[in-house]
Amino acid sequence: MVNPTPLHPRQTKRAAAHADASAIPRVLPVSRPGRCAAAAGAGVFDQVDETDPFLSIDIFRRHGACIPPHPHAGCVVATYLFPESTTSLRCRHAHGGDDALRPGDLLWLEANCGTVHEDAPDNARATVRGVRMIVNRAGRHAHGAPVQTVVRADAMPRWCEGAVDLTLVCGQWGQRDERQVSRAEGERTTLLQLDWRDDELRTFTIPCDGRRWVALIAQGEAALAGHALRAQGGGAEAVLLPPGEWQLAGRTGARLLLAGGEPLAEPVVYRGNFAARDESDLVSLTRRYQQGSMGTLTPVTAPE
């Protein structure tokens, strides 16, 4: 392009409309936890004071890696496969859930009282990429059975704004509503995907509706509220974004994920895939798992 979109636009903002909200975007540290050679990723972990209700938001890439059976309790596990993934995942839990998650689909697992979960690729030689969100539900449905929902790609609202393609993976954005997950009373956890077809600079409005928003770059380069975001090669990768109007720029091929949820503002202890209200609850969940009360799964092997 003769005049490429600048990736360091000046900040343009409207102050947050409620007193408890910070009006200043903040960069969040991104870490890369140790994984096997077939899996890689980066995300925001262990920053619940900043990201409440999100316990973690993780961009992942797996090549033939099967995540063996493992427990979850007191949380939602939301797994979205990017459309360019080259295989599906078989997602099971010990209380009867068994679904094929195809490229572009979302799996929404309400772990509730606890279950053992596994996802395995249909093709061990293929690659899946996507994002996983762990949402705090500690103590909310301590006796509820696990519930697994799949939102198919063709059910997600899609639209264009200039050179940006938007996909509402789950939740609510403006007048648009993904109904399979958001139909639950009070459920407004949102994941919005933005894909740039061409370089573009635009104004982007974060709603002032009680939700907390985290932006995470998944690929390419973008700039948001004065912060350069790069998926690789330095720069920020995640920003905590308050309500307001912000300048947003992206290069061709960039992808940005925007996750929003209502803070619980409650104590939480999150360890070993268990979200608990306190250490005592955590011990109880651990004991239930060790006693087999969360069920068991026989591992499956991905076909060659």
C-alpha atoms as a PDB file:
ATOM      1  CA  MET A   1       0.000   0.000   0.000  1.00  0.00           C
ATOM      2  CA  VAL A   2       1.229   3.523  -0.766  1.00  0.00           C
ATOM      3  CA  ASN A   3       0.055   4.855   2.601  1.00  0.00           C
ATOM      4  CA  PRO A   4      -0.041   1.878   4.953  1.00  0.00           C
ATOM      5  CA  THR A   5      -2.132   2.058   8.094  1.00  0.00           C
ATOM      6  CA  PRO A   6       0.016   3.307  10.988  1.00  0.00           C
ATOM      7  CA  LEU A   7       0.454   0.793  13.784  1.00  0.00           C
ATOM      8  CA  HIS A   8       1.017   3.523  16.361  1.00  0.00           C
ATOM      9  CA  PRO A   9      -2.124   5.650  16.081  1.00  0.00           C
ATOM     10  CA  ARG A  10      -2.662   8.341  18.651  1.00  0.00           C
ATOM     11  CA  GLN A  11      -5.016   7.472  21.503  1.00  0.00           C
ATOM     12  CA  THR A  12      -8.598   8.585  21.110  1.00  0.00           C
ATOM     13  CA  LYS A  13     -10.809   7.702  24.022  1.00  0.00           C
ATOM     14  CA  ARG A  14     -14.006   8.455  25.837  1.00  0.00           C
ATOM     15  CA  ALA A  15     -13.634   8.085  29.583  1.00  0.00           C
ATOM     16  CA  ALA A  16     -15.263   5.124  31.299  1.00  0.00           C
ATOM     17  CA  ALA A  17     -18.763   5.987  32.438  1.00  0.00           C
ATOM     18  CA  HIS A  18     -18.644   4.327  35.842  1.00  0.00           C
ATOM     19  CA  ALA A  19     -16.449   5.199  38.769  1.00  0.00           C
ATOM     20  CA  ASP A  20     -15.072   1.699  39.364  1.00  0.00           C
ATOM     21  CA  ALA A  21     -13.670   1.311  35.866  1.00  0.00           C
ATOM     22  CA  SER A  22     -10.131   2.331  35.007  1.00  0.00           C
ATOM     23  CA  ALA A  23     -10.057   4.648  31.979  1.00  0.00           C
ATOM     24  CA  ILE A  24      -6.502   3.601  31.034  1.00  0.00           C
ATOM     25  CA  PRO A  25      -5.799   0.471  28.941  1.00  0.00           C
ATOM     26  CA  ARG A  26      -3.139  -1.729  30.540  1.00  0.00           C
ATOM     27  CA  VAL A  27      -0.816  -4.292  29.010  1.00  0.00           C
ATOM     28  CA  LEU A  28      -1.181  -7.733  30.595  1.00  0.00           C
ATOM     29  CA  PRO A  29       1.794 -10.090  30.917  1.00  0.00           C
ATOM     30  CA  VAL A  30       1.593 -13.102  28.603  1.00  0.00           C
ATOM     31  CA  SER A  31       3.287 -16.373  29.520  1.00  0.00           C
ATOM     32  CA  ARG A  32       4.103 -19.587  27.684  1.00  0.00           C
ATOM     33  CA  PRO A  33       3.642 -22.534  30.019  1.00  0.00           C
ATOM     34  CA  GLY A  34       5.734 -25.643  29.472  1.00  0.00           C
ATOM     35  CA  ARG A  35       4.066 -28.054  27.098  1.00  0.00           C
ATOM     36  CA  CYS A  36       4.952 -31.168  25.133  1.00  0.00           C
ATOM     37  CA  ALA A  37       6.787 -30.822  21.823  1.00  0.00           C
ATOM     38  CA  ALA A  38       3.529 -31.267  19.898  1.00  0.00           C
ATOM     39  CA  ALA A  39       1.758 -28.358  21.604  1.00  0.00           C
ATOM     40  CA  ALA A  40       2.526 -24.676  21.977  1.00  0.00           C
ATOM     41  CA  GLY A  41       0.729 -21.571  23.041  1.00  0.00           C
ATOM     42  CA  ALA A  42       0.644 -18.327  24.958  1.00  0.00           C
ATOM     43  CA  GLY A  43      -1.913 -16.712  27.185  1.00  0.00           C
ATOM     44  CA  VAL A  44      -2.951 -14.699  30.205  1.00  0.00           C
ATOM     45  CA  PHE A  45      -2.761 -16.831  33.355  1.00  0.00           C
ATOM     46  CA  ASP A  46      -3.075 -16.267  37.119  1.00  0.00           C
ATOM     47  CA  GLN A  47      -4.132 -12.606  36.891  1.00  0.00           C
ATOM     48  CA  VAL A  48      -7.713 -12.922  38.090  1.00  0.00           C
ATOM     49  CA  ASP A  49      -7.580  -9.601  39.958  1.00  0.00           C
ATOM     50  CA  GLU A  50      -7.207  -7.957  36.542  1.00  0.00           C
ATOM     51  CA  THR A  51      -9.157 -10.387  34.339  1.00  0.00           C
ATOM     52  CA  ASP A  52     -12.093 -11.472  36.583  1.00  0.00           C
ATOM     53  CA  PRO A  53     -14.167 -13.490  35.645  1.00  0.00           C
ATOM     54  CA  PHE A  54     -11.503 -15.068  33.404  1.00  0.00           C
ATOM     55  CA  LEU A  55      -9.090 -17.393  35.179  1.00  0.00           C
ATOM     56  CA  SER A  56      -7.101 -17.785  31.958  1.00  0.00           C
ATOM     57  CA  ILE A  57      -7.294 -17.002  28.248  1.00  0.00           C
ATOM     58  CA  ASP A  58      -4.976 -19.115  26.139  1.00  0.00           C
ATOM     59  CA  ILE A  59      -4.110 -19.110  22.422  1.00  0.00           C
ATOM     60  CA  PHE A  60      -3.035 -22.671  21.617  1.00  0.00           C
ATOM     61  CA  ARG A  61      -1.551 -24.628  18.748  1.00  0.00           C
ATOM     62  CA  ARG A  62      -1.419 -28.419  18.790  1.00  0.00           C
ATOM     63  CA  HIS A  63      -0.012 -30.807  16.238  1.00  0.00           C
ATOM     64  CA  GLY A  64      -1.317 -34.315  16.855  1.00  0.00           C
ATOM     65  CA  ALA A  65      -1.362 -33.786  20.619  1.00  0.00           C
ATOM     66  CA  CYS A  66      -4.073 -35.506  22.642  1.00  0.00           C
ATOM     67  CA  ILE A  67      -4.792 -33.878  25.989  1.00  0.00           C
ATOM     68  CA  PRO A  68      -5.275 -36.905  28.281  1.00  0.00           C
ATOM     69  CA  PRO A  69      -8.221 -37.180  30.686  1.00  0.00           C
ATOM     70  CA  HIS A  70      -8.070 -34.459  33.349  1.00  0.00           C
ATOM     71  CA  PRO A  71     -10.561 -32.921  35.800  1.00  0.00           C
ATOM     72  CA  HIS A  72     -12.362 -29.572  35.852  1.00  0.00           C
ATOM     73  CA  ALA A  73     -14.681 -28.175  38.530  1.00  0.00           C
ATOM     74  CA  GLY A  74     -16.129 -24.804  39.466  1.00  0.00           C
ATOM     75  CA  CYS A  75     -15.513 -23.264  36.050  1.00  0.00           C
ATOM     76  CA  VAL A  76     -16.529 -23.034  32.404  1.00  0.00           C
ATOM     77  CA  VAL A  77     -14.070 -24.387  29.833  1.00  0.00           C
ATOM     78  CA  ALA A  78     -14.702 -22.704  26.478  1.00  0.00           C
ATOM     79  CA  THR A  79     -12.665 -24.012  23.529  1.00  0.00           C
ATOM     80  CA  TYR A  80     -12.881 -22.342  20.112  1.00  0.00           C
ATOM     81  CA  LEU A  81     -11.111 -23.817  17.076  1.00  0.00           C
ATOM     82  CA  PHE A  82      -9.919 -21.331  14.487  1.00  0.00           C
ATOM     83  CA  PRO A  83     -11.492 -22.012  11.057  1.00  0.00           C
ATOM     84  CA  GLU A  84      -8.136 -22.805   9.438  1.00  0.00           C
ATOM     85  CA  SER A  85      -7.522 -25.773  11.771  1.00  0.00           C
ATOM     86  CA  THR A  86      -6.970 -28.908   9.708  1.00  0.00           C
ATOM     87  CA  THR A  87      -8.689 -31.480  11.919  1.00  0.00           C
ATOM     88  CA  SER A  88     -11.510 -31.833  14.418  1.00  0.00           C
ATOM     89  CA  LEU A  89     -11.346 -32.618  18.130  1.00  0.00           C
ATOM     90  CA  ARG A  90     -13.357 -35.319  19.848  1.00  0.00           C
ATOM     91  CA  CYS A  91     -14.405 -33.748  23.167  1.00  0.00           C
ATOM     92  CA  ARG A  92     -15.654 -36.057  25.901  1.00  0.00           C
ATOM     93  CA  HIS A  93     -16.442 -35.817  29.579  1.00  0.00           C
ATOM     94  CA  ALA A  94     -17.116 -38.528  32.135  1.00  0.00           C
ATOM     95  CA  HIS A  95     -20.825 -37.708  32.530  1.00  0.00           C
ATOM     96  CA  GLY A  96     -21.791 -38.615  28.987  1.00  0.00           C
ATOM     97  CA  GLY A  97     -20.673 -35.669  26.841  1.00  0.00           C
ATOM     98  CA  ASP A  98     -19.159 -36.754  23.517  1.00  0.00           C
ATOM     99  CA  ASP A  99     -19.029 -34.253  20.642  1.00  0.00           C
ATOM    100  CA  ALA A 100     -16.980 -33.594  17.535  1.00  0.00           C
ATOM    101  CA  LEU A 101     -15.589 -30.053  17.558  1.00  0.00           C
ATOM    102  CA  ARG A 102     -14.965 -29.035  13.948  1.00  0.00           C
ATOM    103  CA  PRO A 103     -12.877 -26.086  12.717  1.00  0.00           C
ATOM    104  CA  GLY A 104     -14.772 -22.871  13.495  1.00  0.00           C
ATOM    105  CA  ASP A 105     -16.848 -24.465  16.297  1.00  0.00           C
ATOM    106  CA  LEU A 106     -16.996 -23.603  20.009  1.00  0.00           C
ATOM    107  CA  LEU A 107     -17.232 -26.093  22.882  1.00  0.00           C
ATOM    108  CA  TRP A 108     -18.804 -24.660  26.064  1.00  0.00           C
ATOM    109  CA  LEU A 109     -18.338 -27.008  29.041  1.00  0.00           C
ATOM    110  CA  GLU A 110     -20.003 -26.035  32.309  1.00  0.00           C
ATOM    111  CA  ALA A 111     -17.981 -28.227  34.682  1.00  0.00           C
ATOM    112  CA  ASN A 112     -20.179 -27.381  37.713  1.00  0.00           C
ATOM    113  CA  CYS A 113     -19.640 -30.026  40.439  1.00  0.00           C
ATOM    114  CA  GLY A 114     -16.763 -31.542  38.479  1.00  0.00           C
ATOM    115  CA  THR A 115     -16.018 -33.959  35.680  1.00  0.00           C
ATOM    116  CA  VAL A 116     -13.109 -35.584  33.876  1.00  0.00           C
ATOM    117  CA  HIS A 117     -12.584 -34.157  30.398  1.00  0.00           C
ATOM    118  CA  GLU A 118     -10.555 -35.114  27.329  1.00  0.00           C
ATOM    119  CA  ASP A 119     -10.101 -33.808  23.801  1.00  0.00           C
ATOM    120  CA  ALA A 120      -8.343 -35.780  21.093  1.00  0.00           C
ATOM    121  CA  PRO A 121      -7.680 -34.866  17.432  1.00  0.00           C
ATOM    122  CA  ASP A 122      -9.302 -36.932  14.706  1.00  0.00           C
ATOM    123  CA  ASN A 123      -6.015 -36.867  12.784  1.00  0.00           C
ATOM    124  CA  ALA A 124      -2.763 -37.225  14.717  1.00  0.00           C
ATOM    125  CA  ARG A 125      -0.805 -35.632  11.857  1.00  0.00           C
ATOM    126  CA  ALA A 126      -2.944 -32.525  11.572  1.00  0.00           C
ATOM    127  CA  THR A 127      -2.899 -29.206  13.441  1.00  0.00           C
ATOM    128  CA  VAL A 128      -5.500 -27.402  15.503  1.00  0.00           C
ATOM    129  CA  ARG A 129      -5.279 -23.754  16.572  1.00  0.00           C
ATOM    130  CA  GLY A 130      -7.679 -21.867  18.734  1.00  0.00           C
ATOM    131  CA  VAL A 131      -8.398 -20.118  22.001  1.00  0.00           C
ATOM    132  CA  ARG A 132      -9.411 -21.525  25.366  1.00  0.00           C
ATOM    133  CA  MET A 133     -11.074 -19.474  28.086  1.00  0.00           C
ATOM    134  CA  ILE A 134     -11.489 -20.667  31.681  1.00  0.00           C
ATOM    135  CA  VAL A 135     -14.318 -18.705  33.315  1.00  0.00           C
ATOM    136  CA  ASN A 136     -14.783 -18.596  37.083  1.00  0.00           C
ATOM    137  CA  ARG A 137     -17.924 -20.247  38.492  1.00  0.00           C
ATOM    138  CA  ALA A 138     -16.528 -21.166  41.914  1.00  0.00           C
ATOM    139  CA  GLY A 139     -19.327 -22.228  44.262  1.00  0.00           C
ATOM    140  CA  ARG A 140     -22.053 -21.213  41.806  1.00  0.00           C
ATOM    141  CA  HIS A 141     -23.331 -24.664  40.854  1.00  0.00           C
ATOM    142  CA  ALA A 142     -21.588 -26.883  43.374  1.00  0.00           C
ATOM    143  CA  HIS A 143     -24.134 -29.703  42.970  1.00  0.00           C
ATOM    144  CA  GLY A 144     -25.042 -29.253  39.310  1.00  0.00           C
ATOM    145  CA  ALA A 145     -24.215 -31.881  36.712  1.00  0.00           C
ATOM    146  CA  PRO A 146     -21.733 -30.996  33.956  1.00  0.00           C
ATOM    147  CA  VAL A 147     -23.292 -29.637  30.763  1.00  0.00           C
ATOM    148  CA  GLN A 148     -21.558 -29.571  27.375  1.00  0.00           C
ATOM    149  CA  THR A 149     -22.777 -27.425  24.452  1.00  0.00           C
ATOM    150  CA  VAL A 150     -21.332 -27.101  20.947  1.00  0.00           C
ATOM    151  CA  VAL A 151     -21.917 -23.917  18.953  1.00  0.00           C
ATOM    152  CA  ARG A 152     -21.430 -24.677  15.274  1.00  0.00           C
ATOM    153  CA  ALA A 153     -19.588 -22.220  13.058  1.00  0.00           C
ATOM    154  CA  ASP A 154     -22.618 -21.648  10.831  1.00  0.00           C
ATOM    155  CA  ALA A 155     -24.693 -20.541  13.849  1.00  0.00           C
ATOM    156  CA  MET A 156     -22.328 -17.692  14.811  1.00  0.00           C
ATOM    157  CA  PRO A 157     -23.294 -14.137  13.763  1.00  0.00           C
ATOM    158  CA  ARG A 158     -20.869 -12.689  11.191  1.00  0.00           C
ATOM    159  CA  TRP A 159     -20.612  -9.231   9.659  1.00  0.00           C
ATOM    160  CA  CYS A 160     -18.136  -6.808   8.106  1.00  0.00           C
ATOM    161  CA  GLU A 161     -17.068  -3.336   9.174  1.00  0.00           C
ATOM    162  CA  GLY A 162     -14.843  -1.824   6.528  1.00  0.00           C
ATOM    163  CA  ALA A 163     -11.893  -4.162   5.962  1.00  0.00           C
ATOM    164  CA  VAL A 164     -12.541  -6.129   9.164  1.00  0.00           C
ATOM    165  CA  ASP A 165     -14.539  -9.380   9.330  1.00  0.00           C
ATOM    166  CA  LEU A 166     -16.164  -9.964  12.732  1.00  0.00           C
ATOM    167  CA  THR A 167     -17.390 -13.247  14.187  1.00  0.00           C
ATOM    168  CA  LEU A 168     -19.408 -13.384  17.411  1.00  0.00           C
ATOM    169  CA  VAL A 169     -18.240 -16.753  18.730  1.00  0.00           C
ATOM    170  CA  CYS A 170     -20.375 -16.510  21.864  1.00  0.00           C
ATOM    171  CA  GLY A 171     -22.186 -13.955  23.998  1.00  0.00           C
ATOM    172  CA  GLN A 172     -23.532 -10.528  23.078  1.00  0.00           C
ATOM    173  CA  TRP A 173     -22.192  -7.593  21.091  1.00  0.00           C
ATOM    174  CA  GLY A 174     -24.458  -4.634  20.488  1.00  0.00           C
ATOM    175  CA  GLN A 175     -27.736  -5.928  19.089  1.00  0.00           C
ATOM    176  CA  ARG A 176     -26.184  -9.253  18.079  1.00  0.00           C
ATOM    177  CA  ASP A 177     -26.586 -12.321  20.247  1.00  0.00           C
ATOM    178  CA  GLU A 178     -25.167 -15.853  19.957  1.00  0.00           C
ATOM    179  CA  ARG A 179     -28.137 -17.695  21.447  1.00  0.00           C
ATOM    180  CA  GLN A 180     -26.926 -21.205  22.254  1.00  0.00           C
ATOM    181  CA  VAL A 181     -24.650 -20.058  25.090  1.00  0.00           C
ATOM    182  CA  SER A 182     -26.145 -16.650  25.916  1.00  0.00           C
ATOM    183  CA  ARG A 183     -29.641 -18.115  26.351  1.00  0.00           C
ATOM    184  CA  ALA A 184     -28.609 -19.095  29.902  1.00  0.00           C
ATOM    185  CA  GLU A 185     -30.023 -16.557  32.319  1.00  0.00           C
ATOM    186  CA  GLY A 186     -27.476 -13.845  33.019  1.00  0.00           C
ATOM    187  CA  GLU A 187     -24.818 -15.423  30.752  1.00  0.00           C
ATOM    188  CA  ARG A 188     -23.051 -12.613  28.882  1.00  0.00           C
ATOM    189  CA  THR A 189     -19.543 -14.019  28.539  1.00  0.00           C
ATOM    190  CA  THR A 190     -18.469 -12.923  25.066  1.00  0.00           C
ATOM    191  CA  LEU A 191     -15.782 -13.866  22.569  1.00  0.00           C
ATOM    192  CA  LEU A 192     -15.478 -11.679  19.469  1.00  0.00           C
ATOM    193  CA  GLN A 193     -13.024 -12.438  16.639  1.00  0.00           C
ATOM    194  CA  LEU A 194     -11.737  -9.677  14.342  1.00  0.00           C
ATOM    195  CA  ASP A 195      -9.946 -10.561  11.082  1.00  0.00           C
ATOM    196  CA  TRP A 196      -8.354  -7.918   8.816  1.00  0.00           C
ATOM    197  CA  ARG A 197      -8.705  -8.407   5.041  1.00  0.00           C
ATOM    198  CA  ASP A 198      -6.639  -5.255   4.413  1.00  0.00           C
ATOM    199  CA  ASP A 199      -4.749  -2.643   6.404  1.00  0.00           C
ATOM    200  CA  GLU A 200      -7.231  -0.390   8.179  1.00  0.00           C
ATOM    201  CA  LEU A 201      -7.508   2.144  10.978  1.00  0.00           C
ATOM    202  CA  ARG A 202     -10.890   2.631  12.655  1.00  0.00           C
ATOM    203  CA  THR A 203     -12.575   3.715  15.885  1.00  0.00           C
ATOM    204  CA  PHE A 204     -13.701   0.836  18.087  1.00  0.00           C
ATOM    205  CA  THR A 205     -16.184   1.202  20.933  1.00  0.00           C
ATOM    206  CA  ILE A 206     -16.018  -0.967  24.055  1.00  0.00           C
ATOM    207  CA  PRO A 207     -19.449  -0.961  25.711  1.00  0.00           C
ATOM    208  CA  CYS A 208     -19.928   0.337  29.248  1.00  0.00           C
ATOM    209  CA  ASP A 209     -22.237  -2.428  30.471  1.00  0.00           C
ATOM    210  CA  GLY A 210     -20.473  -3.927  33.479  1.00  0.00           C
ATOM    211  CA  ARG A 211     -18.329  -6.391  31.535  1.00  0.00           C
ATOM    212  CA  ARG A 212     -14.521  -6.489  31.719  1.00  0.00           C
ATOM    213  CA  TRP A 213     -12.694  -6.805  28.383  1.00  0.00           C
ATOM    214  CA  VAL A 214      -9.375  -8.412  27.444  1.00  0.00           C
ATOM    215  CA  ALA A 215      -7.922  -8.114  23.924  1.00  0.00           C
ATOM    216  CA  LEU A 216      -5.442 -10.793  22.805  1.00  0.00           C
ATOM    217  CA  ILE A 217      -3.576 -10.849  19.485  1.00  0.00           C
ATOM    218  CA  ALA A 218      -3.750 -14.261  17.795  1.00  0.00           C
ATOM    219  CA  GLN A 219      -1.816 -13.597  14.595  1.00  0.00           C
ATOM    220  CA  GLY A 220      -0.186 -10.747  12.725  1.00  0.00           C
ATOM    221  CA  GLU A 221       0.106  -7.163  13.932  1.00  0.00           C
ATOM    222  CA  ALA A 222      -2.400  -4.669  15.276  1.00  0.00           C
ATOM    223  CA  ALA A 223      -2.458  -1.585  17.471  1.00  0.00           C
ATOM    224  CA  LEU A 224      -5.126  -0.861  20.046  1.00  0.00           C
ATOM    225  CA  ALA A 225      -5.485   2.235  22.218  1.00  0.00           C
ATOM    226  CA  GLY A 226      -1.868   3.221  21.526  1.00  0.00           C
ATOM    227  CA  HIS A 227      -0.410  -0.236  22.253  1.00  0.00           C
ATOM    228  CA  ALA A 228       1.274  -2.185  19.440  1.00  0.00           C
ATOM    229  CA  LEU A 229       0.226  -5.837  19.514  1.00  0.00           C
ATOM    230  CA  ARG A 230       2.262  -8.549  17.831  1.00  0.00           C
ATOM    231  CA  ALA A 231       1.659 -12.272  17.907  1.00  0.00           C
ATOM    232  CA  GLN A 232       5.389 -12.867  17.456  1.00  0.00           C
ATOM    233  CA  GLY A 233       8.600 -10.892  17.610  1.00  0.00           C
ATOM    234  CA  GLY A 234       8.141  -8.642  20.610  1.00  0.00           C
ATOM    235  CA  GLY A 235       5.588  -6.070  21.661  1.00  0.00           C
ATOM    236  CA  ALA A 236       2.496  -6.487  23.781  1.00  0.00           C
ATOM    237  CA  GLU A 237       0.173  -9.427  23.187  1.00  0.00           C
ATOM    238  CA  ALA A 238      -2.722  -8.711  25.574  1.00  0.00           C
ATOM    239  CA  VAL A 239      -4.425  -5.530  26.783  1.00  0.00           C
ATOM    240  CA  LEU A 240      -7.026  -4.939  29.492  1.00  0.00           C
ATOM    241  CA  LEU A 241      -9.425  -2.554  27.781  1.00  0.00           C
ATOM    242  CA  PRO A 242     -11.842  -0.274  29.678  1.00  0.00           C
ATOM    243  CA  PRO A 243     -15.098   1.058  28.187  1.00  0.00           C
ATOM    244  CA  GLY A 244     -14.706   3.861  25.705  1.00  0.00           C
ATOM    245  CA  GLU A 245     -13.860   4.701  22.100  1.00  0.00           C
ATOM    246  CA  TRP A 246     -10.390   3.586  21.038  1.00  0.00           C
ATOM    247  CA  GLN A 247      -8.412   3.676  17.836  1.00  0.00           C
ATOM    248  CA  LEU A 248      -7.821   0.212  16.393  1.00  0.00           C
ATOM    249  CA  ALA A 249      -5.446  -0.528  13.496  1.00  0.00           C
ATOM    250  CA  GLY A 250      -4.542  -3.824  11.897  1.00  0.00           C
ATOM    251  CA  ARG A 251      -2.348  -5.205   9.147  1.00  0.00           C
ATOM    252  CA  THR A 252      -3.698  -7.536   6.480  1.00  0.00           C
ATOM    253  CA  GLY A 253      -4.107 -11.026   7.977  1.00  0.00           C
ATOM    254  CA  ALA A 254      -4.142  -9.866  11.591  1.00  0.00           C
ATOM    255  CA  ARG A 255      -6.510 -11.564  14.038  1.00  0.00           C
ATOM    256  CA  LEU A 256      -7.581 -10.096  17.373  1.00  0.00           C
ATOM    257  CA  LEU A 257      -9.694 -11.813  20.026  1.00  0.00           C
ATOM    258  CA  LEU A 258     -11.809  -9.753  22.405  1.00  0.00           C
ATOM    259  CA  ALA A 259     -13.125 -11.539  25.513  1.00  0.00           C
ATOM    260  CA  GLY A 260     -15.648  -9.894  27.826  1.00  0.00           C
ATOM    261  CA  GLY A 261     -17.315 -11.065  31.015  1.00  0.00           C
ATOM    262  CA  GLU A 262     -18.997  -9.732  34.132  1.00  0.00           C
ATOM    263  CA  PRO A 263     -16.614  -9.657  37.127  1.00  0.00           C
ATOM    264  CA  LEU A 264     -17.718 -11.721  40.101  1.00  0.00           C
ATOM    265  CA  ALA A 265     -15.621  -9.680  42.565  1.00  0.00           C
ATOM    266  CA  GLU A 266     -15.402 -12.732  44.828  1.00  0.00           C
ATOM    267  CA  PRO A 267     -12.445 -14.631  46.296  1.00  0.00           C
ATOM    268  CA  VAL A 268     -11.309 -17.578  44.201  1.00  0.00           C
ATOM    269  CA  VAL A 269      -8.597 -20.195  44.513  1.00  0.00           C
ATOM    270  CA  TYR A 270      -7.696 -21.779  41.163  1.00  0.00           C
ATOM    271  CA  ARG A 271      -5.319 -24.723  41.152  1.00  0.00           C
ATOM    272  CA  GLY A 272      -5.195 -28.061  39.389  1.00  0.00           C
ATOM    273  CA  ASN A 273      -8.111 -27.093  37.091  1.00  0.00           C
ATOM    274  CA  PHE A 274     -10.361 -26.552  40.138  1.00  0.00           C
ATOM    275  CA  ALA A 275     -11.924 -23.156  40.882  1.00  0.00           C
ATOM    276  CA  ALA A 276     -12.920 -22.926  44.548  1.00  0.00           C
ATOM    277  CA  ARG A 277     -14.107 -20.203  46.902  1.00  0.00           C
ATOM    278  CA  ASP A 278     -11.363 -20.942  49.424  1.00  0.00           C
ATOM    279  CA  GLU A 279      -8.741 -23.519  50.401  1.00  0.00           C
ATOM    280  CA  SER A 280     -11.327 -25.650  52.206  1.00  0.00           C
ATOM    281  CA  ASP A 281     -13.471 -25.908  49.063  1.00  0.00           C
ATOM    282  CA  LEU A 282     -10.364 -26.724  47.047  1.00  0.00           C
ATOM    283  CA  VAL A 283      -9.513 -29.595  49.382  1.00  0.00           C
ATOM    284  CA  SER A 284     -13.086 -30.903  49.049  1.00  0.00           C
ATOM    285  CA  LEU A 285     -12.943 -30.808  45.248  1.00  0.00           C
ATOM    286  CA  THR A 286      -9.566 -32.535  45.218  1.00  0.00           C
ATOM    287  CA  ARG A 287     -10.890 -35.253  47.517  1.00  0.00           C
ATOM    288  CA  ARG A 288     -13.965 -35.799  45.318  1.00  0.00           C
ATOM    289  CA  TYR A 289     -11.742 -36.229  42.285  1.00  0.00           C
ATOM    290  CA  GLN A 290      -9.378 -38.618  44.076  1.00  0.00           C
ATOM    291  CA  GLN A 291     -12.343 -40.696  45.241  1.00  0.00           C
ATOM    292  CA  GLY A 292     -13.647 -41.011  41.702  1.00  0.00           C
ATOM    293  CA  SER A 293     -16.761 -38.884  42.226  1.00  0.00           C
ATOM    294  CA  MET A 294     -15.998 -36.832  39.102  1.00  0.00           C
ATOM    295  CA  GLY A 295     -15.999 -39.977  36.969  1.00  0.00           C
ATOM    296  CA  THR A 296     -13.349 -41.594  34.814  1.00  0.00           C
ATOM    297  CA  LEU A 297     -12.544 -41.808  31.124  1.00  0.00           C
ATOM    298  CA  THR A 298     -10.617 -44.404  29.196  1.00  0.00           C
ATOM    299  CA  PRO A 299      -8.155 -42.489  26.992  1.00  0.00           C
ATOM    300  CA  VAL A 300      -8.648 -42.671  23.219  1.00  0.00           C
ATOM    301  CA  THR A 301      -5.866 -42.728  20.667  1.00  0.00           C
ATOM    302  CA  ALA A 302      -6.008 -40.372  17.722  1.00  0.00           C
ATOM    303  CA  PRO A 303      -6.093 -42.253  14.400  1.00  0.00           C
ATOM    304  CA  GLU A 304      -3.031 -42.031  12.174  1.00  0.00           C
END
